[in-house]
Amino acid sequence: MGSSEDTRNGQPADERAGTVFVPSELAQNLKVADEDEAYAYDDSARNIVAQKSVLAYILKSALEEYADYPVQEIAEKFIEGEPELREIAVHPDHPDRNDQPDMMSGDEKIGGDPTVDKSQRDGAVYFDIRFTAILPSDGERIEILLNLEIQNNDTPGYPIPKRGVYYTARMISAQRGTIFKDQEYEKIKKCVSIWLCEDTADVRSDTINRYSFTEECLRGGFHEEKESYDLMTVVVMRLGRKGETSGDNAIRLLSKMFSTDLSYREKLDALQNEFKISVNREMSKEVQRMCNLSTGVFNKGYDSGYGSGISIGEMKRAKVTAYNLRKRGMSYEEIANAVEVGIDTIRTWLAEREETPEK
């Protein structure tokens, strides 16, 4: 610890001297290792969700167009090509990954980018999963463009539906020059952004919310064809602990895959026997990697407790415990002592779950 001379007027000595503090190489390497562990977990999650069999469950629950179709038919007939994982840039001033010379192709199933270091710290933002689907129709072939995002929690500091609207707007504007030109607006394809929220408070867990354009006829009886304005849809699926016993198949499937309590074998059993998904070697490997990473310890920088680090699974269980203790009326300090993390961490966790301020 520094002396009082090192922090006069609330400023560190290095800052007063006009120098910039640079973390040691060891500290930087630890930070990179922590970020890479978290990225690897997210990468496996994307690879699992991007399987057509899993996407089929999501489409059936999220969009009314697929509600009456069996998941096997959705997977085999209506999902086009192979999903793109973190290849397409969200913002127009960022290049797509498939335009970069250092892009390494994946196998036929997943076209991922293994350059973890670059993807974590280059500042660019990419769609998690992008794919094309065909709308069930007896006549004209109609394609829709879909983006699927995996969100760690559903209170990131901004409303998720607003970000979803921005993503669909970007997907529509990006069609100019490729799908339509000049005044060919009739060629615009419908865009859908689906958000999967893993860590969700019980009060919002096991819920699906859909946001879309609707027509409001203010005068007269004329109605426009729905396909003329139904071009943007945002769906938010909140998983959480209650999701593991949900009556909705997609919520239950995803909640079990993201669970930190279920073992690798239990997850495989659910995929094969409960959801009738044939698990190939690649998918089995990703499920196992997620399970390993959720129990592997990595440092999250919390202000006290847990010694050298905290695993993803421990962190999620500690959050749930903190939330439940707060509902029972315990103070922040009492919760911090029970969960063995700092009080500032408790404040952060409860704020994420929209807990009321401490009195």
Protein backbone atom coordinates (compact mmCIF):
# COMPACT_ATOMS: atom_id res chain seq x y z
CA MET A 1 0.00 0.00 0.00
CA GLY A 2 1.23 3.53 -0.75
CA SER A 3 1.88 6.15 1.87
CA SER A 4 -0.12 9.34 2.29
CA GLU A 5 2.63 11.15 0.36
CA ASP A 6 1.84 9.00 -2.67
CA THR A 7 -1.81 10.10 -2.81
CA ARG A 8 -1.83 13.79 -1.89
CA ASN A 9 -5.00 15.63 -2.95
CA GLY A 10 -6.52 12.31 -3.99
CA GLN A 11 -4.11 11.90 -6.92
CA PRO A 12 -1.57 9.11 -7.38
CA ALA A 13 2.02 10.32 -7.60
CA ASP A 14 2.39 9.07 -11.18
CA GLU A 15 -0.68 11.05 -12.27
CA ARG A 16 0.58 14.26 -10.61
CA ALA A 17 3.88 13.86 -12.40
CA GLY A 18 2.11 13.66 -15.75
CA THR A 19 3.11 10.06 -16.39
CA VAL A 20 0.82 7.28 -17.54
CA PHE A 21 0.60 4.11 -15.45
CA VAL A 22 1.19 1.02 -17.59
CA PRO A 23 0.22 -2.33 -16.05
CA SER A 24 2.99 -4.90 -15.78
CA GLU A 25 3.32 -7.53 -18.47
CA LEU A 26 2.12 -10.15 -15.98
CA ALA A 27 -1.02 -8.12 -15.21
CA GLN A 28 -1.71 -7.66 -18.91
CA ASN A 29 -1.26 -11.36 -19.59
CA LEU A 30 -3.64 -12.26 -16.77
CA LYS A 31 -6.24 -9.88 -18.18
CA VAL A 32 -5.87 -11.37 -21.65
CA ALA A 33 -6.17 -14.88 -20.22
CA ASP A 34 -9.37 -13.92 -18.36
CA GLU A 35 -10.88 -12.36 -21.49
CA ASP A 36 -9.91 -15.36 -23.59
CA GLU A 37 -11.57 -17.75 -21.11
CA ALA A 38 -14.79 -15.72 -21.26
CA TYR A 39 -14.57 -15.47 -25.06
CA ALA A 40 -14.02 -19.22 -25.39
CA TYR A 41 -17.20 -19.83 -23.35
CA ASP A 42 -19.16 -17.42 -25.57
CA ASP A 43 -17.64 -18.99 -28.68
CA SER A 44 -18.84 -22.46 -27.66
CA ALA A 45 -22.27 -21.06 -26.84
CA ARG A 46 -22.51 -19.56 -30.33
CA ASN A 47 -21.39 -22.80 -31.97
CA ILE A 48 -24.08 -24.75 -30.11
CA VAL A 49 -26.88 -22.28 -30.84
CA ALA A 50 -25.86 -22.04 -34.52
CA GLN A 51 -26.73 -25.71 -35.09
CA LYS A 52 -29.76 -25.83 -37.39
CA SER A 53 -31.58 -28.18 -35.03
CA VAL A 54 -31.29 -25.61 -32.20
CA LEU A 55 -32.15 -22.68 -34.48
CA ALA A 56 -35.29 -24.55 -35.52
CA TYR A 57 -36.53 -24.64 -31.92
CA ILE A 58 -35.84 -20.92 -31.61
CA LEU A 59 -37.68 -20.02 -34.83
CA LYS A 60 -40.69 -22.09 -33.84
CA SER A 61 -41.02 -20.26 -30.50
CA ALA A 62 -40.01 -16.77 -31.66
CA LEU A 63 -41.83 -16.24 -34.96
CA GLU A 64 -45.47 -16.89 -35.73
CA GLU A 65 -44.65 -17.94 -39.30
CA TYR A 66 -43.06 -21.17 -38.00
CA ALA A 67 -45.29 -21.87 -35.00
CA ASP A 68 -47.32 -24.63 -36.70
CA TYR A 69 -44.39 -26.51 -38.26
CA PRO A 70 -42.40 -29.39 -36.72
CA VAL A 71 -38.88 -28.44 -35.71
CA GLN A 72 -37.39 -31.12 -37.97
CA GLU A 73 -39.13 -29.62 -41.00
CA ILE A 74 -37.98 -26.12 -40.04
CA ALA A 75 -34.37 -27.31 -39.76
CA GLU A 76 -34.39 -29.23 -43.02
CA LYS A 77 -36.52 -27.03 -45.28
CA PHE A 78 -36.51 -23.44 -44.06
CA ILE A 79 -33.00 -22.61 -42.79
CA GLU A 80 -30.75 -21.70 -45.72
CA GLY A 81 -27.04 -22.41 -46.06
CA GLU A 82 -24.77 -22.27 -43.01
CA PRO A 83 -24.96 -19.68 -40.23
CA GLU A 84 -22.24 -17.01 -40.15
CA LEU A 85 -20.63 -16.52 -36.74
CA ARG A 86 -19.14 -13.10 -35.94
CA GLU A 87 -18.24 -12.45 -39.58
CA ILE A 88 -20.53 -9.55 -40.48
CA ALA A 89 -19.88 -6.12 -38.95
CA VAL A 90 -22.79 -4.28 -37.33
CA HIS A 91 -21.46 -0.77 -38.00
CA PRO A 92 -20.92 0.33 -41.60
CA ASP A 93 -17.38 1.65 -40.94
CA HIS A 94 -16.13 -1.75 -39.72
CA PRO A 95 -15.00 -4.34 -42.31
CA ASP A 96 -16.60 -7.77 -42.42
CA ARG A 97 -14.31 -10.56 -41.26
CA ASN A 98 -14.54 -12.42 -44.57
CA ASP A 99 -12.93 -9.39 -46.19
CA GLN A 100 -9.85 -9.71 -43.98
CA PRO A 101 -6.75 -11.53 -45.25
CA ASP A 102 -6.17 -13.24 -41.88
CA MET A 103 -9.59 -14.91 -41.92
CA MET A 104 -9.32 -18.68 -41.40
CA SER A 105 -12.26 -20.73 -42.59
CA GLY A 106 -13.97 -23.18 -40.29
CA ASP A 107 -15.46 -26.49 -41.33
CA GLU A 108 -18.62 -26.88 -43.37
CA LYS A 109 -20.86 -26.50 -40.37
CA ILE A 110 -19.50 -23.33 -38.79
CA GLY A 111 -17.61 -20.57 -40.55
CA GLY A 112 -16.02 -19.15 -37.41
CA ASP A 113 -12.95 -17.00 -36.86
CA PRO A 114 -10.42 -18.45 -34.42
CA THR A 115 -8.48 -15.19 -34.01
CA VAL A 116 -9.68 -14.71 -30.43
CA ASP A 117 -7.15 -12.02 -29.53
CA LYS A 118 -8.20 -9.77 -32.41
CA SER A 119 -11.93 -10.28 -32.01
CA GLN A 120 -11.85 -9.41 -28.33
CA ARG A 121 -9.85 -6.23 -28.52
CA ASP A 122 -10.05 -4.66 -31.97
CA GLY A 123 -13.06 -2.54 -30.98
CA ALA A 124 -15.23 -3.74 -33.88
CA VAL A 125 -18.75 -5.06 -33.26
CA TYR A 126 -20.02 -8.11 -35.16
CA PHE A 127 -23.35 -9.89 -35.32
CA ASP A 128 -23.10 -13.04 -33.18
CA ILE A 129 -24.97 -15.28 -35.62
CA ARG A 130 -26.40 -14.38 -39.03
CA PHE A 131 -28.41 -16.67 -41.28
CA THR A 132 -31.15 -16.72 -43.92
CA ALA A 133 -34.47 -18.53 -43.60
CA ILE A 134 -37.33 -19.22 -46.01
CA LEU A 135 -40.86 -18.31 -44.98
CA PRO A 136 -43.33 -21.18 -45.30
CA SER A 137 -45.38 -20.39 -48.41
CA ASP A 138 -47.32 -22.20 -51.11
CA GLY A 139 -46.38 -19.63 -53.72
CA GLU A 140 -43.49 -17.20 -54.07
CA ARG A 141 -40.20 -17.97 -52.34
CA ILE A 142 -39.70 -15.37 -49.59
CA GLU A 143 -36.42 -15.03 -47.69
CA ILE A 144 -35.88 -13.33 -44.34
CA LEU A 145 -32.57 -12.32 -42.77
CA LEU A 146 -31.99 -13.22 -39.14
CA ASN A 147 -29.51 -12.13 -36.50
CA LEU A 148 -29.25 -13.96 -33.20
CA GLU A 149 -27.41 -12.46 -30.20
CA ILE A 150 -26.43 -14.18 -26.95
CA GLN A 151 -26.57 -11.72 -24.03
CA ASN A 152 -25.05 -12.52 -20.63
CA ASN A 153 -27.70 -10.53 -18.75
CA ASP A 154 -30.83 -8.66 -19.73
CA THR A 155 -30.06 -5.37 -17.94
CA PRO A 156 -26.83 -4.20 -19.63
CA GLY A 157 -27.51 -0.50 -19.00
CA TYR A 158 -29.72 0.08 -22.06
CA PRO A 159 -33.02 -1.43 -23.25
CA ILE A 160 -32.28 -4.54 -25.29
CA PRO A 161 -35.27 -3.97 -27.65
CA LYS A 162 -33.72 -0.63 -28.71
CA ARG A 163 -30.45 -2.31 -29.61
CA GLY A 164 -32.41 -4.96 -31.46
CA VAL A 165 -34.21 -2.29 -33.50
CA TYR A 166 -30.84 -0.75 -34.37
CA TYR A 167 -29.50 -4.13 -35.50
CA THR A 168 -32.52 -4.78 -37.75
CA ALA A 169 -32.24 -1.25 -39.16
CA ARG A 170 -28.59 -1.92 -39.99
CA MET A 171 -29.53 -5.20 -41.66
CA ILE A 172 -32.09 -3.39 -43.81
CA SER A 173 -29.80 -0.50 -44.82
CA ALA A 174 -27.04 -2.99 -45.69
CA GLN A 175 -29.31 -4.46 -48.39
CA ARG A 176 -28.95 -1.36 -50.53
CA GLY A 177 -26.60 -2.02 -53.41
CA THR A 178 -26.81 -5.80 -53.04
CA ILE A 179 -30.45 -6.84 -52.75
CA PHE A 180 -32.03 -3.63 -54.04
CA LYS A 181 -30.90 -0.53 -55.90
CA ASP A 182 -32.26 2.99 -56.30
CA GLN A 183 -36.06 2.83 -55.92
CA GLU A 184 -36.44 -0.96 -55.78
CA TYR A 185 -37.78 -0.90 -52.22
CA GLU A 186 -40.18 -3.74 -52.97
CA LYS A 187 -37.14 -6.08 -52.88
CA ILE A 188 -36.26 -5.33 -49.24
CA LYS A 189 -36.17 -8.51 -47.16
CA LYS A 190 -37.62 -8.76 -43.68
CA CYS A 191 -35.03 -8.65 -40.90
CA VAL A 192 -35.33 -10.31 -37.49
CA SER A 193 -33.08 -9.86 -34.46
CA ILE A 194 -33.44 -12.45 -31.67
CA TRP A 195 -31.79 -11.89 -28.28
CA LEU A 196 -31.12 -14.77 -25.90
CA CYS A 197 -30.54 -13.55 -22.33
CA GLU A 198 -28.82 -16.11 -20.12
CA ASP A 199 -28.58 -14.53 -16.65
CA THR A 200 -32.05 -13.19 -15.85
CA ALA A 201 -33.84 -12.35 -12.62
CA ASP A 202 -36.56 -14.83 -11.71
CA VAL A 203 -39.26 -12.19 -12.21
CA ARG A 204 -38.33 -11.96 -15.91
CA SER A 205 -37.07 -15.52 -16.42
CA ASP A 206 -38.88 -17.88 -18.84
CA THR A 207 -40.40 -15.08 -20.95
CA ILE A 208 -40.55 -14.22 -24.66
CA ASN A 209 -41.33 -10.71 -25.92
CA ARG A 210 -41.79 -9.83 -29.60
CA TYR A 211 -41.72 -6.31 -31.10
CA SER A 212 -42.77 -5.55 -34.68
CA PHE A 213 -44.45 -3.06 -37.01
CA THR A 214 -48.23 -3.12 -37.15
CA GLU A 215 -50.72 -1.16 -39.24
CA GLU A 216 -53.14 1.24 -37.54
CA CYS A 217 -56.00 2.29 -39.79
CA LEU A 218 -56.92 5.80 -38.59
CA ARG A 219 -59.56 6.54 -41.24
CA GLY A 220 -61.33 4.52 -43.89
CA GLY A 221 -61.21 0.81 -44.55
CA PHE A 222 -58.13 0.39 -46.74
CA HIS A 223 -55.42 -1.99 -45.52
CA GLU A 224 -51.93 -2.41 -46.96
CA GLU A 225 -50.58 -5.89 -47.54
CA LYS A 226 -48.73 -7.02 -44.41
CA GLU A 227 -45.55 -7.88 -46.29
CA SER A 228 -45.29 -4.21 -47.34
CA TYR A 229 -44.55 -3.02 -43.80
CA ASP A 230 -43.75 -6.13 -41.73
CA LEU A 231 -40.00 -5.75 -42.25
CA MET A 232 -38.51 -5.49 -38.75
CA THR A 233 -39.05 -7.82 -35.80
CA VAL A 234 -37.16 -8.01 -32.50
CA VAL A 235 -37.58 -10.95 -30.13
CA VAL A 236 -36.17 -11.10 -26.59
CA MET A 237 -36.05 -14.57 -25.00
CA ARG A 238 -35.13 -14.50 -21.31
CA LEU A 239 -33.88 -17.81 -19.97
CA GLY A 240 -32.64 -17.94 -16.38
CA ARG A 241 -33.15 -20.54 -13.68
CA LYS A 242 -36.90 -20.93 -14.24
CA GLY A 243 -36.27 -21.60 -17.90
CA GLU A 244 -34.96 -25.11 -17.21
CA THR A 245 -38.52 -26.25 -16.42
CA SER A 246 -40.27 -24.01 -18.97
CA GLY A 247 -43.25 -25.20 -20.95
CA ASP A 248 -41.66 -23.65 -24.05
CA ASN A 249 -39.26 -26.04 -25.75
CA ALA A 250 -36.80 -23.40 -26.99
CA ILE A 251 -36.54 -21.71 -23.59
CA ARG A 252 -36.09 -25.06 -21.83
CA LEU A 253 -33.49 -26.28 -24.36
CA LEU A 254 -31.39 -23.11 -24.19
CA SER A 255 -31.68 -22.79 -20.41
CA LYS A 256 -30.37 -26.32 -19.98
CA MET A 257 -27.48 -25.73 -22.38
CA PHE A 258 -26.46 -22.55 -20.50
CA SER A 259 -27.02 -24.08 -17.06
CA THR A 260 -24.05 -24.12 -14.70
CA ASP A 261 -25.68 -26.85 -12.58
CA LEU A 262 -26.21 -29.55 -15.21
CA SER A 263 -23.30 -31.82 -16.11
CA TYR A 264 -21.99 -32.56 -19.57
CA ARG A 265 -23.75 -35.95 -19.57
CA GLU A 266 -27.04 -34.41 -18.43
CA LYS A 267 -26.90 -31.87 -21.24
CA LEU A 268 -26.15 -34.51 -23.84
CA ASP A 269 -29.01 -36.62 -22.52
CA ALA A 270 -31.39 -33.65 -22.80
CA LEU A 271 -30.31 -32.94 -26.38
CA GLN A 272 -30.64 -36.53 -27.54
CA ASN A 273 -33.59 -37.88 -25.57
CA GLU A 274 -35.68 -34.83 -24.65
CA PHE A 275 -35.20 -32.71 -27.78
CA LYS A 276 -34.42 -35.51 -30.29
CA ILE A 277 -31.26 -33.82 -31.56
CA SER A 278 -28.59 -36.11 -32.95
CA VAL A 279 -25.35 -34.89 -31.37
CA ASN A 280 -22.30 -35.14 -33.63
CA ARG A 281 -18.71 -35.07 -32.42
CA GLU A 282 -18.38 -31.33 -32.99
CA MET A 283 -21.46 -30.41 -31.00
CA SER A 284 -20.50 -32.81 -28.20
CA LYS A 285 -17.08 -31.15 -28.04
CA GLU A 286 -18.63 -27.66 -27.72
CA VAL A 287 -21.00 -28.78 -24.95
CA GLN A 288 -18.10 -30.28 -23.04
CA ARG A 289 -15.98 -27.15 -23.51
CA MET A 290 -18.79 -24.96 -22.16
CA CYS A 291 -19.13 -27.20 -19.12
CA ASN A 292 -15.38 -27.14 -18.49
CA LEU A 293 -15.18 -23.36 -18.81
CA SER A 294 -18.16 -22.83 -16.52
CA THR A 295 -16.32 -24.66 -13.74
CA GLY A 296 -12.80 -23.49 -14.56
CA VAL A 297 -11.59 -20.63 -12.37
CA PHE A 298 -10.67 -17.28 -13.90
CA ASN A 299 -10.20 -13.87 -12.29
CA LYS A 300 -13.13 -11.45 -12.72
CA GLY A 301 -11.62 -8.64 -10.70
CA TYR A 302 -14.17 -8.55 -7.91
CA ASP A 303 -13.19 -6.40 -4.98
CA SER A 304 -12.89 -9.15 -2.36
CA GLY A 305 -13.53 -12.83 -1.78
CA TYR A 306 -12.86 -15.86 -3.96
CA GLY A 307 -9.09 -15.42 -3.66
CA SER A 308 -7.48 -15.79 -7.08
CA GLY A 309 -10.67 -15.93 -9.09
CA ILE A 310 -14.24 -17.07 -9.63
CA SER A 311 -15.66 -19.44 -12.21
CA ILE A 312 -18.57 -18.60 -14.48
CA GLY A 313 -20.71 -21.15 -12.66
CA GLU A 314 -19.76 -19.88 -9.19
CA MET A 315 -20.47 -16.32 -10.23
CA LYS A 316 -23.94 -17.14 -11.55
CA ARG A 317 -24.84 -19.14 -8.44
CA ALA A 318 -23.53 -16.36 -6.19
CA LYS A 319 -25.67 -13.81 -8.07
CA VAL A 320 -28.81 -15.90 -7.60
CA THR A 321 -28.01 -16.36 -3.90
CA ALA A 322 -27.46 -12.62 -3.46
CA TYR A 323 -30.73 -11.81 -5.18
CA ASN A 324 -32.70 -14.31 -3.07
CA LEU A 325 -31.14 -13.03 0.17
CA ARG A 326 -32.05 -9.48 -0.77
CA LYS A 327 -35.67 -10.53 -1.36
CA ARG A 328 -35.65 -11.88 2.21
CA GLY A 329 -34.75 -8.44 3.49
CA MET A 330 -31.04 -8.83 4.17
CA SER A 331 -28.83 -5.73 3.91
CA TYR A 332 -26.07 -5.36 1.31
CA GLU A 333 -23.44 -5.87 4.01
CA GLU A 334 -25.09 -9.06 5.29
CA ILE A 335 -25.34 -10.43 1.75
CA ALA A 336 -21.70 -9.56 1.04
CA ASN A 337 -20.63 -11.48 4.16
CA ALA A 338 -22.81 -14.48 3.27
CA VAL A 339 -21.70 -14.70 -0.35
CA GLU A 340 -18.12 -13.71 0.45
CA VAL A 341 -17.67 -10.92 -2.09
CA GLY A 342 -17.28 -7.18 -1.60
CA ILE A 343 -20.25 -4.94 -0.98
CA ASP A 344 -19.58 -3.03 -4.22
CA THR A 345 -19.90 -6.29 -6.14
CA ILE A 346 -23.24 -6.97 -4.43
CA ARG A 347 -24.46 -3.51 -5.43
CA THR A 348 -23.44 -4.19 -9.03
CA TRP A 349 -25.11 -7.60 -9.14
CA LEU A 350 -28.38 -6.36 -7.69
CA ALA A 351 -28.37 -3.31 -9.96
CA GLU A 352 -28.13 -5.69 -12.93
CA ARG A 353 -31.33 -7.33 -11.72
CA GLU A 354 -33.05 -3.95 -11.23
CA GLU A 355 -33.03 -4.30 -7.49
CA THR A 356 -34.26 -1.25 -5.52
CA PRO A 357 -31.53 1.00 -4.09
CA GLU A 358 -30.26 0.31 -0.59
CA LYS A 359 -32.08 2.24 2.13
